[in-house]
Amino acid sequence: MSNFKDEIYKTIGRNVKKYRLAANISQEKLSEILDVNSKFIGHVERVERFISLKKLIEIAEYFKVPVKNFFE
């Protein structure tokens, strides 16, 4: 993976964690809300798996923030 892609996924993972912690929700609870494997959010936050745009939109909608916030 290119450095640019690495940075994008690191930024997304960092922001998923930021919003999750701000909402005081566990990784397991957010995974349940998204109807994904219980370890999925942890993998996304550590950039061990890549999140789809569809799931990123679902997370943004859940936290009531624009999707673009996950790229900043």
PDB file of N, CA and C in Angstrom:
ATOM      1  N   MET A   1       0.845  -1.178   0.000  1.00  0.00           N
ATOM      2  CA  MET A   1       0.000   0.000   0.000  1.00  0.00           C
ATOM      3  C   MET A   1       0.889   1.240   0.000  1.00  0.00           C
ATOM      4  N   SER A   2       0.448   2.221  -0.707  1.00  0.00           N
ATOM      5  CA  SER A   2       1.238   3.451  -0.792  1.00  0.00           C
ATOM      6  C   SER A   2       1.167   4.231   0.516  1.00  0.00           C
ATOM      7  N   ASN A   3       2.115   5.095   0.700  1.00  0.00           N
ATOM      8  CA  ASN A   3       2.166   5.936   1.886  1.00  0.00           C
ATOM      9  C   ASN A   3       0.910   6.796   2.019  1.00  0.00           C
ATOM     10  N   PHE A   4       0.421   7.312   0.898  1.00  0.00           N
ATOM     11  CA  PHE A   4      -0.777   8.147   0.892  1.00  0.00           C
ATOM     12  C   PHE A   4      -1.972   7.365   1.420  1.00  0.00           C
ATOM     13  N   LYS A   5      -2.164   6.135   0.930  1.00  0.00           N
ATOM     14  CA  LYS A   5      -3.268   5.298   1.389  1.00  0.00           C
ATOM     15  C   LYS A   5      -3.106   4.956   2.864  1.00  0.00           C
ATOM     16  N   ASP A   6      -1.883   4.654   3.273  1.00  0.00           N
ATOM     17  CA  ASP A   6      -1.617   4.362   4.689  1.00  0.00           C
ATOM     18  C   ASP A   6      -2.092   5.509   5.564  1.00  0.00           C
ATOM     19  N   GLU A   7      -1.735   6.714   5.172  1.00  0.00           N
ATOM     20  CA  GLU A   7      -2.107   7.884   5.967  1.00  0.00           C
ATOM     21  C   GLU A   7      -3.616   8.089   6.005  1.00  0.00           C
ATOM     22  N   ILE A   8      -4.294   7.841   4.912  1.00  0.00           N
ATOM     23  CA  ILE A   8      -5.754   7.983   4.882  1.00  0.00           C
ATOM     24  C   ILE A   8      -6.388   7.009   5.865  1.00  0.00           C
ATOM     25  N   TYR A   9      -5.975   5.739   5.803  1.00  0.00           N
ATOM     26  CA  TYR A   9      -6.569   4.742   6.692  1.00  0.00           C
ATOM     27  C   TYR A   9      -6.194   4.979   8.154  1.00  0.00           C
ATOM     28  N   LYS A  10      -5.003   5.489   8.415  1.00  0.00           N
ATOM     29  CA  LYS A  10      -4.615   5.838   9.785  1.00  0.00           C
ATOM     30  C   LYS A  10      -5.487   6.970  10.308  1.00  0.00           C
ATOM     31  N   THR A  11      -5.731   7.963   9.458  1.00  0.00           N
ATOM     32  CA  THR A  11      -6.566   9.099   9.845  1.00  0.00           C
ATOM     33  C   THR A  11      -7.998   8.647  10.116  1.00  0.00           C
ATOM     34  N   ILE A  12      -8.530   7.797   9.254  1.00  0.00           N
ATOM     35  CA  ILE A  12      -9.882   7.283   9.463  1.00  0.00           C
ATOM     36  C   ILE A  12      -9.947   6.515  10.778  1.00  0.00           C
ATOM     37  N   GLY A  13      -8.997   5.617  11.004  1.00  0.00           N
ATOM     38  CA  GLY A  13      -8.983   4.832  12.235  1.00  0.00           C
ATOM     39  C   GLY A  13      -8.897   5.698  13.476  1.00  0.00           C
ATOM     40  N   ARG A  14      -8.035   6.697  13.427  1.00  0.00           N
ATOM     41  CA  ARG A  14      -7.872   7.623  14.551  1.00  0.00           C
ATOM     42  C   ARG A  14      -9.180   8.367  14.828  1.00  0.00           C
ATOM     43  N   ASN A  15      -9.868   8.778  13.766  1.00  0.00           N
ATOM     44  CA  ASN A  15     -11.108   9.530  13.948  1.00  0.00           C
ATOM     45  C   ASN A  15     -12.267   8.646  14.385  1.00  0.00           C
ATOM     46  N   VAL A  16     -12.315   7.418  13.907  1.00  0.00           N
ATOM     47  CA  VAL A  16     -13.341   6.490  14.403  1.00  0.00           C
ATOM     48  C   VAL A  16     -13.169   6.340  15.911  1.00  0.00           C
ATOM     49  N   LYS A  17     -11.939   6.151  16.341  1.00  0.00           N
ATOM     50  CA  LYS A  17     -11.660   6.005  17.774  1.00  0.00           C
ATOM     51  C   LYS A  17     -12.035   7.281  18.540  1.00  0.00           C
ATOM     52  N   LYS A  18     -11.690   8.439  17.978  1.00  0.00           N
ATOM     53  CA  LYS A  18     -11.988   9.713  18.636  1.00  0.00           C
ATOM     54  C   LYS A  18     -13.486   9.870  18.875  1.00  0.00           C
ATOM     55  N   TYR A  19     -14.290   9.627  17.850  1.00  0.00           N
ATOM     56  CA  TYR A  19     -15.740   9.776  17.997  1.00  0.00           C
ATOM     57  C   TYR A  19     -16.321   8.698  18.904  1.00  0.00           C
ATOM     58  N   ARG A  20     -15.790   7.497  18.821  1.00  0.00           N
ATOM     59  CA  ARG A  20     -16.271   6.404  19.657  1.00  0.00           C
ATOM     60  C   ARG A  20     -16.013   6.714  21.135  1.00  0.00           C
ATOM     61  N   LEU A  21     -14.797   7.152  21.449  1.00  0.00           N
ATOM     62  CA  LEU A  21     -14.461   7.470  22.836  1.00  0.00           C
ATOM     63  C   LEU A  21     -15.248   8.676  23.343  1.00  0.00           C
ATOM     64  N   ALA A  22     -15.436   9.661  22.488  1.00  0.00           N
ATOM     65  CA  ALA A  22     -16.214  10.847  22.880  1.00  0.00           C
ATOM     66  C   ALA A  22     -17.653  10.467  23.230  1.00  0.00           C
ATOM     67  N   ALA A  23     -18.170   9.441  22.551  1.00  0.00           N
ATOM     68  CA  ALA A  23     -19.531   8.971  22.817  1.00  0.00           C
ATOM     69  C   ALA A  23     -19.563   7.916  23.920  1.00  0.00           C
ATOM     70  N   ASN A  24     -18.374   7.566  24.442  1.00  0.00           N
ATOM     71  CA  ASN A  24     -18.259   6.569  25.508  1.00  0.00           C
ATOM     72  C   ASN A  24     -18.869   5.226  25.104  1.00  0.00           C
ATOM     73  N   ILE A  25     -18.520   4.781  23.890  1.00  0.00           N
ATOM     74  CA  ILE A  25     -19.019   3.513  23.349  1.00  0.00           C
ATOM     75  C   ILE A  25     -17.834   2.574  23.152  1.00  0.00           C
ATOM     76  N   SER A  26     -17.995   1.324  23.542  1.00  0.00           N
ATOM     77  CA  SER A  26     -16.927   0.339  23.355  1.00  0.00           C
ATOM     78  C   SER A  26     -16.832  -0.062  21.887  1.00  0.00           C
ATOM     79  N   GLN A  27     -15.696  -0.635  21.532  1.00  0.00           N
ATOM     80  CA  GLN A  27     -15.520  -1.160  20.175  1.00  0.00           C
ATOM     81  C   GLN A  27     -16.580  -2.216  19.886  1.00  0.00           C
ATOM     82  N   GLU A  28     -16.832  -3.060  20.851  1.00  0.00           N
ATOM     83  CA  GLU A  28     -17.818  -4.138  20.675  1.00  0.00           C
ATOM     84  C   GLU A  28     -19.222  -3.586  20.455  1.00  0.00           C
ATOM     85  N   LYS A  29     -19.582  -2.548  21.217  1.00  0.00           N
ATOM     86  CA  LYS A  29     -20.908  -1.951  21.074  1.00  0.00           C
ATOM     87  C   LYS A  29     -21.071  -1.300  19.705  1.00  0.00           C
ATOM     88  N   LEU A  30     -20.050  -0.582  19.244  1.00  0.00           N
ATOM     89  CA  LEU A  30     -20.139   0.040  17.925  1.00  0.00           C
ATOM     90  C   LEU A  30     -20.206  -1.027  16.841  1.00  0.00           C
ATOM     91  N   SER A  31     -19.468  -2.108  17.008  1.00  0.00           N
ATOM     92  CA  SER A  31     -19.541  -3.223  16.051  1.00  0.00           C
ATOM     93  C   SER A  31     -20.953  -3.796  16.010  1.00  0.00           C
ATOM     94  N   GLU A  32     -21.563  -3.925  17.175  1.00  0.00           N
ATOM     95  CA  GLU A  32     -22.934  -4.438  17.256  1.00  0.00           C
ATOM     96  C   GLU A  32     -23.899  -3.502  16.536  1.00  0.00           C
ATOM     97  N   ILE A  33     -23.742  -2.208  16.767  1.00  0.00           N
ATOM     98  CA  ILE A  33     -24.599  -1.209  16.121  1.00  0.00           C
ATOM     99  C   ILE A  33     -24.486  -1.296  14.601  1.00  0.00           C
ATOM    100  N   LEU A  34     -23.262  -1.536  14.115  1.00  0.00           N
ATOM    101  CA  LEU A  34     -23.017  -1.603  12.671  1.00  0.00           C
ATOM    102  C   LEU A  34     -23.294  -2.979  12.088  1.00  0.00           C
ATOM    103  N   ASP A  35     -23.587  -3.946  12.954  1.00  0.00           N
ATOM    104  CA  ASP A  35     -23.850  -5.318  12.539  1.00  0.00           C
ATOM    105  C   ASP A  35     -22.643  -5.924  11.811  1.00  0.00           C
ATOM    106  N   VAL A  36     -21.488  -5.794  12.470  1.00  0.00           N
ATOM    107  CA  VAL A  36     -20.248  -6.378  11.953  1.00  0.00           C
ATOM    108  C   VAL A  36     -19.612  -7.221  13.056  1.00  0.00           C
ATOM    109  N   ASN A  37     -18.585  -7.974  12.716  1.00  0.00           N
ATOM    110  CA  ASN A  37     -17.854  -8.794  13.674  1.00  0.00           C
ATOM    111  C   ASN A  37     -17.443  -7.959  14.878  1.00  0.00           C
ATOM    112  N   SER A  38     -17.472  -8.554  16.049  1.00  0.00           N
ATOM    113  CA  SER A  38     -17.213  -7.820  17.295  1.00  0.00           C
ATOM    114  C   SER A  38     -15.820  -7.198  17.356  1.00  0.00           C
ATOM    115  N   LYS A  39     -14.883  -7.699  16.576  1.00  0.00           N
ATOM    116  CA  LYS A  39     -13.520  -7.167  16.583  1.00  0.00           C
ATOM    117  C   LYS A  39     -13.254  -6.168  15.450  1.00  0.00           C
ATOM    118  N   PHE A  40     -14.256  -5.942  14.613  1.00  0.00           N
ATOM    119  CA  PHE A  40     -14.081  -5.112  13.414  1.00  0.00           C
ATOM    120  C   PHE A  40     -13.585  -3.705  13.726  1.00  0.00           C
ATOM    121  N   ILE A  41     -14.213  -3.032  14.676  1.00  0.00           N
ATOM    122  CA  ILE A  41     -13.849  -1.640  14.970  1.00  0.00           C
ATOM    123  C   ILE A  41     -12.414  -1.561  15.460  1.00  0.00           C
ATOM    124  N   GLY A  42     -12.005  -2.486  16.292  1.00  0.00           N
ATOM    125  CA  GLY A  42     -10.612  -2.516  16.749  1.00  0.00           C
ATOM    126  C   GLY A  42      -9.651  -2.668  15.588  1.00  0.00           C
ATOM    127  N   HIS A  43     -10.005  -3.523  14.648  1.00  0.00           N
ATOM    128  CA  HIS A  43      -9.160  -3.717  13.467  1.00  0.00           C
ATOM    129  C   HIS A  43      -9.078  -2.436  12.633  1.00  0.00           C
ATOM    130  N   VAL A  44     -10.197  -1.739  12.500  1.00  0.00           N
ATOM    131  CA  VAL A  44     -10.215  -0.485  11.731  1.00  0.00           C
ATOM    132  C   VAL A  44      -9.365   0.568  12.446  1.00  0.00           C
ATOM    133  N   GLU A  45      -9.514   0.672  13.752  1.00  0.00           N
ATOM    134  CA  GLU A  45      -8.763   1.679  14.501  1.00  0.00           C
ATOM    135  C   GLU A  45      -7.260   1.418  14.454  1.00  0.00           C
ATOM    136  N   ARG A  46      -6.859   0.156  14.379  1.00  0.00           N
ATOM    137  CA  ARG A  46      -5.431  -0.195  14.321  1.00  0.00           C
ATOM    138  C   ARG A  46      -4.940  -0.364  12.878  1.00  0.00           C
ATOM    139  N   VAL A  47      -5.792  -0.094  11.921  1.00  0.00           N
ATOM    140  CA  VAL A  47      -5.501  -0.195  10.477  1.00  0.00           C
ATOM    141  C   VAL A  47      -5.055  -1.612  10.113  1.00  0.00           C
ATOM    142  N   GLU A  48      -5.722  -2.587  10.698  1.00  0.00           N
ATOM    143  CA  GLU A  48      -5.486  -3.986  10.360  1.00  0.00           C
ATOM    144  C   GLU A  48      -6.498  -4.461   9.323  1.00  0.00           C
ATOM    145  N   ARG A  49      -7.597  -3.725   9.207  1.00  0.00           N
ATOM    146  CA  ARG A  49      -8.603  -3.977   8.176  1.00  0.00           C
ATOM    147  C   ARG A  49      -9.034  -2.628   7.638  1.00  0.00           C
ATOM    148  N   PHE A  50      -9.547  -2.634   6.428  1.00  0.00           N
ATOM    149  CA  PHE A  50      -9.971  -1.398   5.789  1.00  0.00           C
ATOM    150  C   PHE A  50     -11.487  -1.311   5.797  1.00  0.00           C
ATOM    151  N   ILE A  51     -11.974  -0.162   6.191  1.00  0.00           N
ATOM    152  CA  ILE A  51     -13.411   0.057   6.276  1.00  0.00           C
ATOM    153  C   ILE A  51     -13.961   0.442   4.909  1.00  0.00           C
ATOM    154  N   SER A  52     -15.160  -0.036   4.620  1.00  0.00           N
ATOM    155  CA  SER A  52     -15.811   0.342   3.364  1.00  0.00           C
ATOM    156  C   SER A  52     -16.442   1.720   3.527  1.00  0.00           C
ATOM    157  N   LEU A  53     -16.672   2.362   2.411  1.00  0.00           N
ATOM    158  CA  LEU A  53     -17.337   3.663   2.439  1.00  0.00           C
ATOM    159  C   LEU A  53     -18.730   3.526   3.043  1.00  0.00           C
ATOM    160  N   LYS A  54     -19.402   2.434   2.737  1.00  0.00           N
ATOM    161  CA  LYS A  54     -20.744   2.196   3.268  1.00  0.00           C
ATOM    162  C   LYS A  54     -20.721   2.187   4.798  1.00  0.00           C
ATOM    163  N   LYS A  55     -19.787   1.470   5.395  1.00  0.00           N
ATOM    164  CA  LYS A  55     -19.697   1.403   6.855  1.00  0.00           C
ATOM    165  C   LYS A  55     -19.243   2.736   7.447  1.00  0.00           C
ATOM    166  N   LEU A  56     -18.365   3.437   6.743  1.00  0.00           N
ATOM    167  CA  LEU A  56     -17.925   4.749   7.218  1.00  0.00           C
ATOM    168  C   LEU A  56     -19.102   5.725   7.246  1.00  0.00           C
ATOM    169  N   ILE A  57     -19.948   5.661   6.244  1.00  0.00           N
ATOM    170  CA  ILE A  57     -21.150   6.502   6.209  1.00  0.00           C
ATOM    171  C   ILE A  57     -22.074   6.141   7.372  1.00  0.00           C
ATOM    172  N   GLU A  58     -22.226   4.850   7.654  1.00  0.00           N
ATOM    173  CA  GLU A  58     -23.065   4.422   8.774  1.00  0.00           C
ATOM    174  C   GLU A  58     -22.520   4.968  10.100  1.00  0.00           C
ATOM    175  N   ILE A  59     -21.201   4.940  10.265  1.00  0.00           N
ATOM    176  CA  ILE A  59     -20.592   5.478  11.480  1.00  0.00           C
ATOM    177  C   ILE A  59     -20.836   6.980  11.569  1.00  0.00           C
ATOM    178  N   ALA A  60     -20.631   7.684  10.473  1.00  0.00           N
ATOM    179  CA  ALA A  60     -20.850   9.132  10.455  1.00  0.00           C
ATOM    180  C   ALA A  60     -22.305   9.462  10.801  1.00  0.00           C
ATOM    181  N   GLU A  61     -23.224   8.705  10.248  1.00  0.00           N
ATOM    182  CA  GLU A  61     -24.637   8.933  10.548  1.00  0.00           C
ATOM    183  C   GLU A  61     -24.928   8.655  12.023  1.00  0.00           C
ATOM    184  N   TYR A  62     -24.346   7.600  12.558  1.00  0.00           N
ATOM    185  CA  TYR A  62     -24.569   7.277  13.967  1.00  0.00           C
ATOM    186  C   TYR A  62     -24.079   8.399  14.878  1.00  0.00           C
ATOM    187  N   PHE A  63     -22.891   8.919  14.581  1.00  0.00           N
ATOM    188  CA  PHE A  63     -22.331   9.991  15.401  1.00  0.00           C
ATOM    189  C   PHE A  63     -22.823  11.374  14.987  1.00  0.00           C
ATOM    190  N   LYS A  64     -23.628  11.418  13.933  1.00  0.00           N
ATOM    191  CA  LYS A  64     -24.211  12.683  13.441  1.00  0.00           C
ATOM    192  C   LYS A  64     -23.134  13.713  13.077  1.00  0.00           C
ATOM    193  N   VAL A  65     -22.150  13.222  12.311  1.00  0.00           N
ATOM    194  CA  VAL A  65     -21.082  14.091  11.816  1.00  0.00           C
ATOM    195  C   VAL A  65     -20.919  13.855  10.319  1.00  0.00           C
ATOM    196  N   PRO A  66     -20.409  14.839   9.582  1.00  0.00           N
ATOM    197  CA  PRO A  66     -20.162  14.642   8.154  1.00  0.00           C
ATOM    198  C   PRO A  66     -19.049  13.592   7.935  1.00  0.00           C
ATOM    199  N   VAL A  67     -19.181  12.818   6.897  1.00  0.00           N
ATOM    200  CA  VAL A  67     -18.189  11.795   6.552  1.00  0.00           C
ATOM    201  C   VAL A  67     -16.811  12.435   6.392  1.00  0.00           C
ATOM    202  N   LYS A  68     -16.765  13.631   5.864  1.00  0.00           N
ATOM    203  CA  LYS A  68     -15.482  14.297   5.625  1.00  0.00           C
ATOM    204  C   LYS A  68     -14.664  14.453   6.909  1.00  0.00           C
ATOM    205  N   ASN A  69     -15.334  14.489   8.053  1.00  0.00           N
ATOM    206  CA  ASN A  69     -14.616  14.629   9.328  1.00  0.00           C
ATOM    207  C   ASN A  69     -13.661  13.472   9.591  1.00  0.00           C
ATOM    208  N   PHE A  70     -13.925  12.321   9.004  1.00  0.00           N
ATOM    209  CA  PHE A  70     -13.079  11.154   9.225  1.00  0.00           C
ATOM    210  C   PHE A  70     -11.781  11.221   8.414  1.00  0.00           C
ATOM    211  N   PHE A  71     -11.707  12.161   7.491  1.00  0.00           N
ATOM    212  CA  PHE A  71     -10.520  12.317   6.647  1.00  0.00           C
ATOM    213  C   PHE A  71      -9.639  13.479   7.091  1.00  0.00           C
ATOM    214  N   GLU A  72     -10.044  14.161   8.128  1.00  0.00           N
ATOM    215  CA  GLU A  72      -9.300  15.358   8.570  1.00  0.00           C
ATOM    216  C   GLU A  72      -8.419  15.046   9.754  1.00  0.00           C
TER     217      GLU A  72
END
